[in-house]
N, C-alpha and C. Protein backbone atom coordinates (compact mmCIF):
# COMPACT_ATOMS: atom_id res chain seq x y z
N MET A 1 116.89 210.69 144.68
CA MET A 1 117.59 209.43 144.74
C MET A 1 117.46 208.85 146.16
N VAL A 2 117.23 207.57 146.24
CA VAL A 2 117.06 206.90 147.53
C VAL A 2 118.39 206.27 147.95
N GLN A 3 118.75 206.50 149.19
CA GLN A 3 119.93 205.84 149.76
C GLN A 3 119.45 204.98 150.92
N PHE A 4 119.95 203.76 150.99
CA PHE A 4 119.55 202.84 152.05
C PHE A 4 120.68 202.69 153.05
N GLU A 5 120.31 202.71 154.33
CA GLU A 5 121.26 202.49 155.42
C GLU A 5 120.78 201.31 156.23
N THR A 6 121.70 200.41 156.56
CA THR A 6 121.37 199.29 157.44
C THR A 6 121.68 199.72 158.86
N ILE A 7 120.65 199.71 159.69
CA ILE A 7 120.81 200.11 161.09
C ILE A 7 121.31 198.92 161.91
N LYS A 8 120.70 197.76 161.68
CA LYS A 8 121.10 196.54 162.38
C LYS A 8 120.68 195.36 161.52
N ALA A 9 121.51 194.31 161.50
CA ALA A 9 121.17 193.12 160.71
C ALA A 9 121.62 191.87 161.45
N GLU A 10 120.78 190.86 161.37
CA GLU A 10 121.09 189.54 161.92
C GLU A 10 120.85 188.53 160.83
N GLU A 11 121.63 187.46 160.84
CA GLU A 11 121.56 186.48 159.76
C GLU A 11 121.68 185.07 160.32
N ILE A 12 121.02 184.13 159.64
CA ILE A 12 121.17 182.71 159.95
C ILE A 12 121.47 181.98 158.65
N THR A 13 122.42 181.07 158.72
CA THR A 13 122.73 180.28 157.53
C THR A 13 122.00 178.94 157.62
N PHE A 14 121.70 178.38 156.45
CA PHE A 14 121.04 177.09 156.39
C PHE A 14 121.37 176.45 155.05
N GLY A 15 121.16 175.14 155.00
CA GLY A 15 121.41 174.44 153.74
C GLY A 15 122.83 174.61 153.26
N ASN A 16 122.98 174.69 151.95
CA ASN A 16 124.29 174.77 151.32
C ASN A 16 124.58 176.23 150.94
N ASN A 17 125.19 176.98 151.86
CA ASN A 17 125.57 178.39 151.65
C ASN A 17 124.40 179.35 151.54
N ASN A 18 123.22 178.98 152.00
CA ASN A 18 122.06 179.87 151.98
C ASN A 18 121.99 180.66 153.29
N PHE A 19 121.33 181.81 153.24
CA PHE A 19 121.13 182.58 154.47
C PHE A 19 119.81 183.33 154.40
N ILE A 20 119.32 183.67 155.58
CA ILE A 20 118.20 184.59 155.71
C ILE A 20 118.69 185.71 156.61
N GLU A 21 118.44 186.94 156.17
CA GLU A 21 118.87 188.12 156.91
C GLU A 21 117.63 188.91 157.31
N VAL A 22 117.56 189.29 158.58
CA VAL A 22 116.51 190.18 159.07
C VAL A 22 117.22 191.46 159.48
N ALA A 23 116.81 192.57 158.88
CA ALA A 23 117.52 193.82 159.12
C ALA A 23 116.55 194.98 159.32
N LYS A 24 117.00 195.92 160.14
CA LYS A 24 116.28 197.18 160.29
C LYS A 24 117.03 198.16 159.40
N LYS A 25 116.31 198.77 158.45
CA LYS A 25 116.95 199.65 157.48
C LYS A 25 116.23 200.99 157.43
N LYS A 26 116.93 201.94 156.82
CA LYS A 26 116.37 203.27 156.66
C LYS A 26 116.57 203.69 155.20
N ALA A 27 115.47 204.14 154.58
CA ALA A 27 115.54 204.70 153.24
C ALA A 27 115.54 206.22 153.39
N VAL A 28 116.55 206.87 152.81
CA VAL A 28 116.70 208.31 152.95
C VAL A 28 116.56 208.96 151.57
N THR A 29 115.63 209.93 151.49
CA THR A 29 115.43 210.71 150.26
C THR A 29 115.49 212.19 150.61
N GLU A 30 115.38 213.03 149.61
CA GLU A 30 115.36 214.47 149.85
C GLU A 30 114.12 214.86 150.64
N GLU A 31 113.03 214.10 150.50
CA GLU A 31 111.78 214.40 151.19
C GLU A 31 111.77 213.94 152.64
N GLY A 32 112.67 213.05 153.01
CA GLY A 32 112.69 212.54 154.38
C GLY A 32 113.25 211.13 154.44
N GLU A 33 112.89 210.42 155.50
CA GLU A 33 113.39 209.06 155.66
C GLU A 33 112.30 208.14 156.16
N ASN A 34 112.47 206.85 155.88
CA ASN A 34 111.51 205.83 156.25
C ASN A 34 112.27 204.63 156.81
N VAL A 35 111.93 204.23 158.03
CA VAL A 35 112.57 203.07 158.67
C VAL A 35 111.64 201.87 158.49
N PHE A 36 112.23 200.71 158.19
CA PHE A 36 111.45 199.51 157.96
C PHE A 36 112.28 198.28 158.29
N ILE A 37 111.63 197.13 158.33
CA ILE A 37 112.31 195.85 158.54
C ILE A 37 112.37 195.14 157.20
N SER A 38 113.51 194.60 156.89
CA SER A 38 113.71 193.87 155.64
C SER A 38 114.03 192.41 155.97
N VAL A 39 113.36 191.49 155.30
CA VAL A 39 113.66 190.06 155.44
C VAL A 39 114.13 189.60 154.07
N SER A 40 115.39 189.16 153.99
CA SER A 40 115.98 188.80 152.70
C SER A 40 116.53 187.38 152.73
N ARG A 41 116.46 186.73 151.57
CA ARG A 41 117.03 185.39 151.41
C ARG A 41 118.09 185.47 150.33
N GLY A 42 119.19 184.75 150.56
CA GLY A 42 120.26 184.77 149.59
C GLY A 42 121.20 183.60 149.76
N PHE A 43 122.35 183.70 149.11
CA PHE A 43 123.36 182.66 149.20
C PHE A 43 124.74 183.30 149.14
N LYS A 44 125.74 182.53 149.52
CA LYS A 44 127.12 182.99 149.41
C LYS A 44 127.76 182.23 148.25
N ASN A 45 128.37 182.98 147.33
CA ASN A 45 128.99 182.34 146.17
C ASN A 45 130.35 181.75 146.55
N MET A 46 131.04 181.20 145.58
CA MET A 46 132.33 180.53 145.83
C MET A 46 133.37 181.45 146.46
N GLN A 47 133.27 182.75 146.19
CA GLN A 47 134.21 183.72 146.75
C GLN A 47 133.76 184.21 148.11
N GLY A 48 132.63 183.71 148.60
CA GLY A 48 132.12 184.11 149.90
C GLY A 48 131.29 185.39 149.88
N GLU A 49 131.03 185.91 148.67
CA GLU A 49 130.23 187.12 148.53
C GLU A 49 128.75 186.78 148.71
N ARG A 50 128.05 187.69 149.36
CA ARG A 50 126.62 187.48 149.59
C ARG A 50 125.83 187.94 148.38
N ARG A 51 124.93 187.10 147.91
CA ARG A 51 124.06 187.42 146.79
C ARG A 51 122.62 187.26 147.26
N TYR A 52 121.83 188.30 147.04
CA TYR A 52 120.44 188.29 147.49
C TYR A 52 119.53 187.80 146.36
N ARG A 53 118.56 186.95 146.73
CA ARG A 53 117.60 186.45 145.74
C ARG A 53 116.24 187.08 145.91
N LYS A 54 115.75 187.10 147.13
CA LYS A 54 114.39 187.59 147.40
C LYS A 54 114.42 188.44 148.66
N SER A 55 113.47 189.38 148.72
CA SER A 55 113.38 190.24 149.89
C SER A 55 111.97 190.78 150.00
N PHE A 56 111.53 191.01 151.23
CA PHE A 56 110.29 191.74 151.43
C PHE A 56 110.46 192.63 152.65
N THR A 57 109.63 193.67 152.72
CA THR A 57 109.76 194.61 153.82
C THR A 57 108.51 194.61 154.68
N VAL A 58 108.72 194.95 155.93
CA VAL A 58 107.64 195.06 156.91
C VAL A 58 107.69 196.48 157.45
N PRO A 59 106.57 197.20 157.39
CA PRO A 59 106.59 198.57 157.91
C PRO A 59 106.76 198.60 159.42
N MET A 60 107.25 199.69 159.93
CA MET A 60 107.43 199.85 161.37
C MET A 60 106.08 200.21 161.99
N ASP A 61 105.20 199.23 161.99
CA ASP A 61 103.85 199.37 162.52
C ASP A 61 103.65 198.23 163.51
N LYS A 62 103.36 198.57 164.75
CA LYS A 62 103.25 197.57 165.82
C LYS A 62 102.32 196.42 165.45
N ASP A 63 101.15 196.73 164.93
CA ASP A 63 100.18 195.69 164.60
C ASP A 63 100.70 194.76 163.49
N VAL A 64 101.34 195.34 162.50
CA VAL A 64 101.87 194.53 161.40
C VAL A 64 103.00 193.63 161.90
N ILE A 65 103.89 194.20 162.71
CA ILE A 65 105.02 193.41 163.24
C ILE A 65 104.51 192.28 164.11
N GLU A 66 103.55 192.56 164.97
CA GLU A 66 102.98 191.49 165.82
C GLU A 66 102.32 190.41 164.98
N PHE A 67 101.58 190.81 163.94
CA PHE A 67 100.90 189.85 163.08
C PHE A 67 101.92 188.94 162.37
N VAL A 68 102.93 189.55 161.75
CA VAL A 68 103.93 188.77 161.01
C VAL A 68 104.68 187.84 161.96
N SER A 69 105.09 188.36 163.12
CA SER A 69 105.81 187.53 164.11
C SER A 69 104.96 186.35 164.55
N LYS A 70 103.71 186.63 164.87
CA LYS A 70 102.80 185.58 165.35
C LYS A 70 102.56 184.52 164.28
N MET A 71 102.33 184.94 163.05
CA MET A 71 102.03 183.99 161.98
C MET A 71 103.24 183.13 161.63
N ILE A 72 104.41 183.72 161.60
CA ILE A 72 105.62 182.94 161.31
C ILE A 72 105.83 181.90 162.40
N LYS A 73 105.68 182.32 163.64
CA LYS A 73 105.85 181.40 164.76
C LYS A 73 104.81 180.28 164.69
N GLU A 74 103.56 180.65 164.45
CA GLU A 74 102.48 179.66 164.40
C GLU A 74 102.65 178.70 163.24
N MET A 75 102.97 179.20 162.08
CA MET A 75 103.11 178.34 160.90
C MET A 75 104.40 177.53 160.93
N GLY A 76 105.35 177.93 161.74
CA GLY A 76 106.62 177.21 161.85
C GLY A 76 106.60 176.07 162.84
N LYS A 77 105.47 175.85 163.50
CA LYS A 77 105.41 174.79 164.52
C LYS A 77 105.71 173.42 163.95
N GLY A 78 105.34 173.13 162.72
CA GLY A 78 105.65 171.85 162.10
C GLY A 78 107.14 171.62 161.98
N ALA A 79 107.88 172.70 161.74
CA ALA A 79 109.34 172.59 161.62
C ALA A 79 109.96 172.21 162.95
N GLU A 80 109.39 172.70 164.05
CA GLU A 80 109.89 172.35 165.38
C GLU A 80 109.80 170.84 165.59
N LYS A 81 108.68 170.26 165.18
CA LYS A 81 108.49 168.82 165.37
C LYS A 81 109.51 168.02 164.58
N ILE A 82 109.83 168.48 163.37
CA ILE A 82 110.84 167.79 162.56
C ILE A 82 112.19 167.87 163.24
N LYS A 83 112.59 169.07 163.66
CA LYS A 83 113.88 169.26 164.33
C LYS A 83 113.93 168.50 165.65
N THR A 84 112.82 168.51 166.38
CA THR A 84 112.76 167.83 167.67
C THR A 84 112.96 166.33 167.49
N ALA A 85 112.36 165.75 166.47
CA ALA A 85 112.51 164.32 166.22
C ALA A 85 113.98 163.99 165.94
N GLU A 86 114.69 164.91 165.32
CA GLU A 86 116.10 164.68 165.01
C GLU A 86 117.00 164.87 166.23
N LYS A 87 116.68 165.83 167.09
CA LYS A 87 117.61 166.21 168.16
C LYS A 87 117.14 165.90 169.57
N GLY A 88 115.89 165.57 169.76
CA GLY A 88 115.42 165.20 171.09
C GLY A 88 114.68 166.30 171.82
N GLU A 89 114.17 165.97 172.98
CA GLU A 89 113.31 166.85 173.78
C GLU A 89 113.99 168.15 174.19
N ASP A 90 115.25 168.11 174.59
CA ASP A 90 115.93 169.31 175.05
C ASP A 90 115.96 170.39 173.98
N PHE A 91 116.09 169.95 172.74
CA PHE A 91 116.13 170.90 171.63
C PHE A 91 114.79 171.64 171.51
N GLU A 92 113.68 170.95 171.74
CA GLU A 92 112.36 171.57 171.68
C GLU A 92 112.24 172.68 172.73
N LYS A 93 112.73 172.42 173.92
CA LYS A 93 112.68 173.43 174.98
C LYS A 93 113.54 174.65 174.58
N GLU A 94 114.69 174.39 173.96
CA GLU A 94 115.55 175.47 173.50
C GLU A 94 114.84 176.33 172.45
N LEU A 95 114.14 175.66 171.52
CA LEU A 95 113.40 176.38 170.49
C LEU A 95 112.32 177.26 171.09
N GLU A 96 111.60 176.72 172.08
CA GLU A 96 110.55 177.51 172.72
C GLU A 96 111.13 178.76 173.37
N LYS A 97 112.28 178.62 174.04
CA LYS A 97 112.91 179.78 174.67
C LYS A 97 113.37 180.77 173.60
N ASP A 98 113.96 180.26 172.52
CA ASP A 98 114.40 181.15 171.43
C ASP A 98 113.21 181.89 170.83
N ASP A 99 112.09 181.20 170.62
CA ASP A 99 110.90 181.84 170.06
C ASP A 99 110.42 182.96 170.97
N GLU A 100 110.40 182.71 172.27
CA GLU A 100 109.97 183.74 173.21
C GLU A 100 110.90 184.94 173.15
N ASP A 101 112.20 184.69 173.05
CA ASP A 101 113.18 185.78 172.98
C ASP A 101 112.97 186.60 171.70
N VAL A 102 112.71 185.94 170.58
CA VAL A 102 112.49 186.65 169.32
C VAL A 102 111.25 187.53 169.41
N VAL A 103 110.18 186.98 169.95
CA VAL A 103 108.94 187.75 170.08
C VAL A 103 109.17 188.95 171.00
N LYS A 104 109.85 188.74 172.13
CA LYS A 104 110.13 189.84 173.04
C LYS A 104 110.97 190.92 172.36
N SER A 105 111.97 190.50 171.58
CA SER A 105 112.82 191.47 170.89
C SER A 105 112.01 192.27 169.88
N ALA A 106 111.13 191.59 169.14
CA ALA A 106 110.30 192.29 168.15
C ALA A 106 109.37 193.27 168.84
N GLU A 107 108.80 192.86 169.98
CA GLU A 107 107.91 193.75 170.71
C GLU A 107 108.66 194.97 171.23
N LYS A 108 109.88 194.78 171.76
CA LYS A 108 110.68 195.90 172.25
C LYS A 108 111.01 196.86 171.11
N LEU A 109 111.38 196.29 169.97
CA LEU A 109 111.72 197.10 168.81
C LEU A 109 110.51 197.93 168.37
N ALA A 110 109.35 197.30 168.32
CA ALA A 110 108.13 198.00 167.91
C ALA A 110 107.80 199.12 168.90
N LYS A 111 107.94 198.85 170.20
CA LYS A 111 107.64 199.87 171.21
C LYS A 111 108.59 201.07 171.07
N LYS A 112 109.88 200.80 170.82
CA LYS A 112 110.84 201.89 170.66
C LYS A 112 110.49 202.74 169.45
N GLU A 113 110.10 202.09 168.36
CA GLU A 113 109.76 202.83 167.15
C GLU A 113 108.50 203.67 167.36
N ILE A 114 107.52 203.11 168.03
CA ILE A 114 106.28 203.86 168.29
C ILE A 114 106.59 205.06 169.18
N LYS A 115 107.43 204.85 170.21
CA LYS A 115 107.79 205.95 171.10
C LYS A 115 108.55 207.04 170.34
N ALA A 116 109.45 206.61 169.44
CA ALA A 116 110.22 207.58 168.66
C ALA A 116 109.31 208.37 167.73
N LYS A 117 108.37 207.69 167.08
CA LYS A 117 107.44 208.37 166.19
C LYS A 117 106.56 209.33 166.98
N SER A 118 106.11 208.89 168.15
CA SER A 118 105.26 209.73 169.00
C SER A 118 106.02 210.99 169.42
N SER A 119 107.27 210.83 169.81
CA SER A 119 108.09 211.98 170.22
C SER A 119 108.27 212.94 169.05
N LYS A 120 108.51 212.40 167.86
CA LYS A 120 108.69 213.23 166.67
C LYS A 120 107.41 214.00 166.38
N LEU A 121 106.26 213.32 166.48
CA LEU A 121 104.99 213.98 166.24
C LEU A 121 104.76 215.09 167.26
N ASP A 122 105.10 214.83 168.54
CA ASP A 122 104.95 215.84 169.58
C ASP A 122 105.82 217.06 169.28
N MET A 123 107.05 216.81 168.84
CA MET A 123 107.95 217.91 168.50
C MET A 123 107.43 218.69 167.30
N ASP A 124 106.88 217.97 166.30
CA ASP A 124 106.32 218.64 165.14
C ASP A 124 105.13 219.51 165.54
N ASP A 125 104.28 218.98 166.45
CA ASP A 125 103.13 219.75 166.93
C ASP A 125 103.58 221.01 167.65
N GLU A 126 104.61 220.88 168.49
CA GLU A 126 105.12 222.03 169.22
C GLU A 126 105.69 223.08 168.26
N ALA A 127 106.37 222.63 167.24
CA ALA A 127 106.94 223.54 166.25
C ALA A 127 105.83 224.28 165.51
N ASP A 128 104.75 223.56 165.18
CA ASP A 128 103.60 224.19 164.52
C ASP A 128 102.96 225.24 165.41
N GLU A 129 102.86 224.95 166.70
CA GLU A 129 102.25 225.90 167.65
C GLU A 129 103.10 227.15 167.78
N ASP A 130 104.42 226.98 167.74
CA ASP A 130 105.33 228.13 167.86
C ASP A 130 105.23 229.07 166.67
N GLN A 131 104.82 228.55 165.54
CA GLN A 131 104.76 229.38 164.32
C GLN A 131 103.48 230.09 164.30
C-alpha cells in the first residue's frame, strides 16, 4: 500500500476559487520511498474544501526540473505582457524578479536532492563494502 506525505506545499489562487498547488511529496511503500514534485490544479467548493481536478508529477531529477522550469517560464512570457498592459511597467519588473526567485528556488531544491541522493548512494556503497 502506498502512503503519500506532503513535505512542503505552496499554492496560488486565481479566477473564481481556483488554485494551483506545487508540492514536494514522498510516496512510501514497503519497498522504499520516492520523493517527487507534484503540480495540481483544483478549486475550493462552497464549504471552502479543496477539490483537486488535475495533477502531474515531476521526478526529482535536476535535468527534468530545469527543463520544466525553463519551458514554463519561456512559454509564460505572453502572460507577462497581458498582465503588464493591465498594471504597468513596475509590475513587469516585479514579475522578472519573482521568476528569478522561482528558478533559484527550484535550482536549490534540485541541488539538495542530488546531494541527498549522492550521500545515500555513498552510504549504500560503504555498507556493501563492509559486508
